[in-house]
């Protein structure tokens, strides 16, 4: 099977292998649900 090189299915979450809602900015590659759980541990702060 050929590996997909573009599109939504190319990015997957590092923790749960989900391909929906993946945050790819700054090379994070976490889905939005996993990001909310670990954001504080990796140095993100909520200002509002």
PDB file of N, CA and C in Angstrom:
ATOM      1  N   UNK A   1       0.840  -1.176   0.000  1.00  0.00           N
ATOM      2  CA  UNK A   1       0.000   0.000   0.000  1.00  0.00           C
ATOM      3  C   UNK A   1       0.889   1.244   0.000  1.00  0.00           C
ATOM      4  N   UNK A   2       0.523   2.244  -0.783  1.00  0.00           N
ATOM      5  CA  UNK A   2       1.302   3.475  -0.895  1.00  0.00           C
ATOM      6  C   UNK A   2       1.099   4.348   0.340  1.00  0.00           C
ATOM      7  N   UNK A   3       2.159   5.012   0.748  1.00  0.00           N
ATOM      8  CA  UNK A   3       2.089   5.919   1.892  1.00  0.00           C
ATOM      9  C   UNK A   3       1.578   7.267   1.402  1.00  0.00           C
ATOM     10  N   UNK A   4       0.612   7.813   2.109  1.00  0.00           N
ATOM     11  CA  UNK A   4       0.014   9.090   1.729  1.00  0.00           C
ATOM     12  C   UNK A   4       0.973  10.227   2.073  1.00  0.00           C
ATOM     13  N   UNK A   5       1.151  11.165   1.147  1.00  0.00           N
ATOM     14  CA  UNK A   5       2.127  12.225   1.338  1.00  0.00           C
ATOM     15  C   UNK A   5       1.512  13.593   1.575  1.00  0.00           C
ATOM     16  N   UNK A   6       0.191  13.726   1.420  1.00  0.00           N
ATOM     17  CA  UNK A   6      -0.461  15.018   1.625  1.00  0.00           C
ATOM     18  C   UNK A   6      -1.883  14.785   2.084  1.00  0.00           C
ATOM     19  N   UNK A   7      -2.472  15.808   2.697  1.00  0.00           N
ATOM     20  CA  UNK A   7      -3.850  15.712   3.162  1.00  0.00           C
ATOM     21  C   UNK A   7      -3.936  15.515   4.665  1.00  0.00           C
ATOM     22  N   UNK A   8      -5.176  15.415   5.156  1.00  0.00           N
ATOM     23  CA  UNK A   8      -5.410  15.319   6.596  1.00  0.00           C
ATOM     24  C   UNK A   8      -4.869  14.034   7.204  1.00  0.00           C
ATOM     25  N   UNK A   9      -4.900  12.951   6.466  1.00  0.00           N
ATOM     26  CA  UNK A   9      -4.517  11.651   7.020  1.00  0.00           C
ATOM     27  C   UNK A   9      -3.008  11.488   7.180  1.00  0.00           C
ATOM     28  N   UNK A  10      -2.223  12.463   6.755  1.00  0.00           N
ATOM     29  CA  UNK A  10      -0.772  12.338   6.891  1.00  0.00           C
ATOM     30  C   UNK A  10      -0.311  12.627   8.311  1.00  0.00           C
ATOM     31  N   UNK A  11      -1.075  13.430   9.048  1.00  0.00           N
ATOM     32  CA  UNK A  11      -0.711  13.766  10.427  1.00  0.00           C
ATOM     33  C   UNK A  11      -1.519  12.908  11.384  1.00  0.00           C
ATOM     34  N   UNK A  12      -0.858  12.360  12.393  1.00  0.00           N
ATOM     35  CA  UNK A  12      -1.536  11.601  13.437  1.00  0.00           C
ATOM     36  C   UNK A  12      -1.019  12.050  14.790  1.00  0.00           C
ATOM     37  N   UNK A  13      -1.872  11.924  15.797  1.00  0.00           N
ATOM     38  CA  UNK A  13      -1.503  12.282  17.156  1.00  0.00           C
ATOM     39  C   UNK A  13      -0.405  11.348  17.654  1.00  0.00           C
ATOM     40  N   UNK A  14       0.547  11.894  18.384  1.00  0.00           N
ATOM     41  CA  UNK A  14       1.642  11.084  18.931  1.00  0.00           C
ATOM     42  C   UNK A  14       1.177  10.150  20.033  1.00  0.00           C
ATOM     43  N   UNK A  15       0.145  10.547  20.769  1.00  0.00           N
ATOM     44  CA  UNK A  15      -0.319   9.748  21.904  1.00  0.00           C
ATOM     45  C   UNK A  15      -1.346   8.705  21.521  1.00  0.00           C
ATOM     46  N   UNK A  16      -2.381   9.109  20.759  1.00  0.00           N
ATOM     47  CA  UNK A  16      -3.514   8.204  20.544  1.00  0.00           C
ATOM     48  C   UNK A  16      -3.695   7.794  19.083  1.00  0.00           C
ATOM     49  N   UNK A  17      -2.807   8.198  18.187  1.00  0.00           N
ATOM     50  CA  UNK A  17      -2.863   7.851  16.758  1.00  0.00           C
ATOM     51  C   UNK A  17      -4.140   8.301  16.070  1.00  0.00           C
ATOM     52  N   UNK A  18      -4.814   9.290  16.628  1.00  0.00           N
ATOM     53  CA  UNK A  18      -6.017   9.837  16.015  1.00  0.00           C
ATOM     54  C   UNK A  18      -5.598  10.818  14.921  1.00  0.00           C
ATOM     55  N   UNK A  19      -6.341  10.875  13.826  1.00  0.00           N
ATOM     56  CA  UNK A  19      -5.994  11.814  12.759  1.00  0.00           C
ATOM     57  C   UNK A  19      -6.959  12.989  12.689  1.00  0.00           C
ATOM     58  N   UNK A  20      -7.890  13.091  13.623  1.00  0.00           N
ATOM     59  CA  UNK A  20      -8.848  14.199  13.639  1.00  0.00           C
ATOM     60  C   UNK A  20      -8.433  15.240  14.674  1.00  0.00           C
ATOM     61  N   UNK A  21      -8.469  16.501  14.284  1.00  0.00           N
ATOM     62  CA  UNK A  21      -8.173  17.596  15.203  1.00  0.00           C
ATOM     63  C   UNK A  21      -6.717  17.685  15.602  1.00  0.00           C
ATOM     64  N   UNK A  22      -5.801  17.330  14.714  1.00  0.00           N
ATOM     65  CA  UNK A  22      -4.376  17.319  15.042  1.00  0.00           C
ATOM     66  C   UNK A  22      -3.808  18.732  14.939  1.00  0.00           C
ATOM     67  N   UNK A  23      -3.066  19.139  15.967  1.00  0.00           N
ATOM     68  CA  UNK A  23      -2.389  20.436  15.993  1.00  0.00           C
ATOM     69  C   UNK A  23      -0.973  20.206  15.483  1.00  0.00           C
ATOM     70  N   UNK A  24      -0.699  20.713  14.298  1.00  0.00           N
ATOM     71  CA  UNK A  24       0.597  20.485  13.674  1.00  0.00           C
ATOM     72  C   UNK A  24       1.552  21.653  13.812  1.00  0.00           C
ATOM     73  N   UNK A  25       1.089  22.767  14.368  1.00  0.00           N
ATOM     74  CA  UNK A  25       1.950  23.946  14.515  1.00  0.00           C
ATOM     75  C   UNK A  25       3.141  23.638  15.411  1.00  0.00           C
ATOM     76  N   UNK A  26       4.288  24.179  15.047  1.00  0.00           N
ATOM     77  CA  UNK A  26       5.531  24.019  15.809  1.00  0.00           C
ATOM     78  C   UNK A  26       5.926  22.556  15.973  1.00  0.00           C
ATOM     79  N   UNK A  27       5.438  21.680  15.110  1.00  0.00           N
ATOM     80  CA  UNK A  27       5.804  20.270  15.172  1.00  0.00           C
ATOM     81  C   UNK A  27       5.209  19.534  16.354  1.00  0.00           C
ATOM     82  N   UNK A  28       4.090  20.017  16.903  1.00  0.00           N
ATOM     83  CA  UNK A  28       3.483  19.382  18.077  1.00  0.00           C
ATOM     84  C   UNK A  28       2.932  17.999  17.746  1.00  0.00           C
ATOM     85  N   UNK A  29       2.074  17.916  16.740  1.00  0.00           N
ATOM     86  CA  UNK A  29       1.442  16.669  16.314  1.00  0.00           C
ATOM     87  C   UNK A  29       0.720  15.949  17.450  1.00  0.00           C
ATOM     88  N   UNK A  30      -0.095  16.690  18.181  1.00  0.00           N
ATOM     89  CA  UNK A  30      -1.005  16.121  19.180  1.00  0.00           C
ATOM     90  C   UNK A  30      -2.423  16.486  18.768  1.00  0.00           C
ATOM     91  N   UNK A  31      -3.383  15.608  19.012  1.00  0.00           N
ATOM     92  CA  UNK A  31      -4.768  15.983  18.742  1.00  0.00           C
ATOM     93  C   UNK A  31      -5.206  16.964  19.827  1.00  0.00           C
ATOM     94  N   UNK A  32      -6.281  17.672  19.569  1.00  0.00           N
ATOM     95  CA  UNK A  32      -6.698  18.734  20.491  1.00  0.00           C
ATOM     96  C   UNK A  32      -7.051  18.191  21.861  1.00  0.00           C
ATOM     97  N   UNK A  33      -7.549  16.967  21.934  1.00  0.00           N
ATOM     98  CA  UNK A  33      -7.923  16.376  23.226  1.00  0.00           C
ATOM     99  C   UNK A  33      -6.681  16.029  24.047  1.00  0.00           C
ATOM    100  N   UNK A  34      -5.696  15.407  23.415  1.00  0.00           N
ATOM    101  CA  UNK A  34      -4.452  15.087  24.123  1.00  0.00           C
ATOM    102  C   UNK A  34      -3.691  16.359  24.492  1.00  0.00           C
ATOM    103  N   UNK A  35      -3.733  17.359  23.619  1.00  0.00           N
ATOM    104  CA  UNK A  35      -3.031  18.609  23.900  1.00  0.00           C
ATOM    105  C   UNK A  35      -3.564  19.269  25.157  1.00  0.00           C
ATOM    106  N   UNK A  36      -4.876  19.266  25.335  1.00  0.00           N
ATOM    107  CA  UNK A  36      -5.460  19.876  26.537  1.00  0.00           C
ATOM    108  C   UNK A  36      -5.003  19.157  27.802  1.00  0.00           C
ATOM    109  N   UNK A  37      -4.771  17.855  27.718  1.00  0.00           N
ATOM    110  CA  UNK A  37      -4.336  17.086  28.888  1.00  0.00           C
ATOM    111  C   UNK A  37      -2.877  17.356  29.243  1.00  0.00           C
ATOM    112  N   UNK A  38      -2.026  17.567  28.246  1.00  0.00           N
ATOM    113  CA  UNK A  38      -0.588  17.660  28.516  1.00  0.00           C
ATOM    114  C   UNK A  38      -0.001  19.053  28.300  1.00  0.00           C
ATOM    115  N   UNK A  39      -0.829  20.044  27.967  1.00  0.00           N
ATOM    116  CA  UNK A  39      -0.323  21.385  27.636  1.00  0.00           C
ATOM    117  C   UNK A  39       0.517  21.975  28.760  1.00  0.00           C
ATOM    118  N   UNK A  40       0.066  21.852  29.984  1.00  0.00           N
ATOM    119  CA  UNK A  40       0.793  22.430  31.115  1.00  0.00           C
ATOM    120  C   UNK A  40       2.145  21.737  31.313  1.00  0.00           C
ATOM    121  N   UNK A  41       2.192  20.436  31.081  1.00  0.00           N
ATOM    122  CA  UNK A  41       3.434  19.676  31.256  1.00  0.00           C
ATOM    123  C   UNK A  41       4.498  20.052  30.224  1.00  0.00           C
ATOM    124  N   UNK A  42       4.071  20.432  29.018  1.00  0.00           N
ATOM    125  CA  UNK A  42       5.050  20.757  27.982  1.00  0.00           C
ATOM    126  C   UNK A  42       5.319  22.258  27.883  1.00  0.00           C
ATOM    127  N   UNK A  43       4.771  23.048  28.829  1.00  0.00           N
ATOM    128  CA  UNK A  43       5.155  24.448  28.951  1.00  0.00           C
ATOM    129  C   UNK A  43       4.195  25.479  28.407  1.00  0.00           C
ATOM    130  N   UNK A  44       2.979  25.105  28.090  1.00  0.00           N
ATOM    131  CA  UNK A  44       1.998  26.080  27.617  1.00  0.00           C
ATOM    132  C   UNK A  44       1.199  26.602  28.798  1.00  0.00           C
ATOM    133  N   UNK A  45       0.879  27.907  28.766  1.00  0.00           N
ATOM    134  CA  UNK A  45       0.119  28.538  29.838  1.00  0.00           C
ATOM    135  C   UNK A  45      -1.166  29.118  29.282  1.00  0.00           C
ATOM    136  N   UNK A  46      -2.230  29.044  30.048  1.00  0.00           N
ATOM    137  CA  UNK A  46      -3.506  29.622  29.655  1.00  0.00           C
ATOM    138  C   UNK A  46      -3.606  30.999  30.295  1.00  0.00           C
ATOM    139  N   UNK A  47      -3.739  32.035  29.479  1.00  0.00           N
ATOM    140  CA  UNK A  47      -3.756  33.396  29.988  1.00  0.00           C
ATOM    141  C   UNK A  47      -5.152  33.939  30.209  1.00  0.00           C
ATOM    142  N   UNK A  48      -6.179  33.348  29.633  1.00  0.00           N
ATOM    143  CA  UNK A  48      -7.543  33.823  29.830  1.00  0.00           C
ATOM    144  C   UNK A  48      -8.412  32.729  30.346  1.00  0.00           C
TER     145      UNK A  48
END
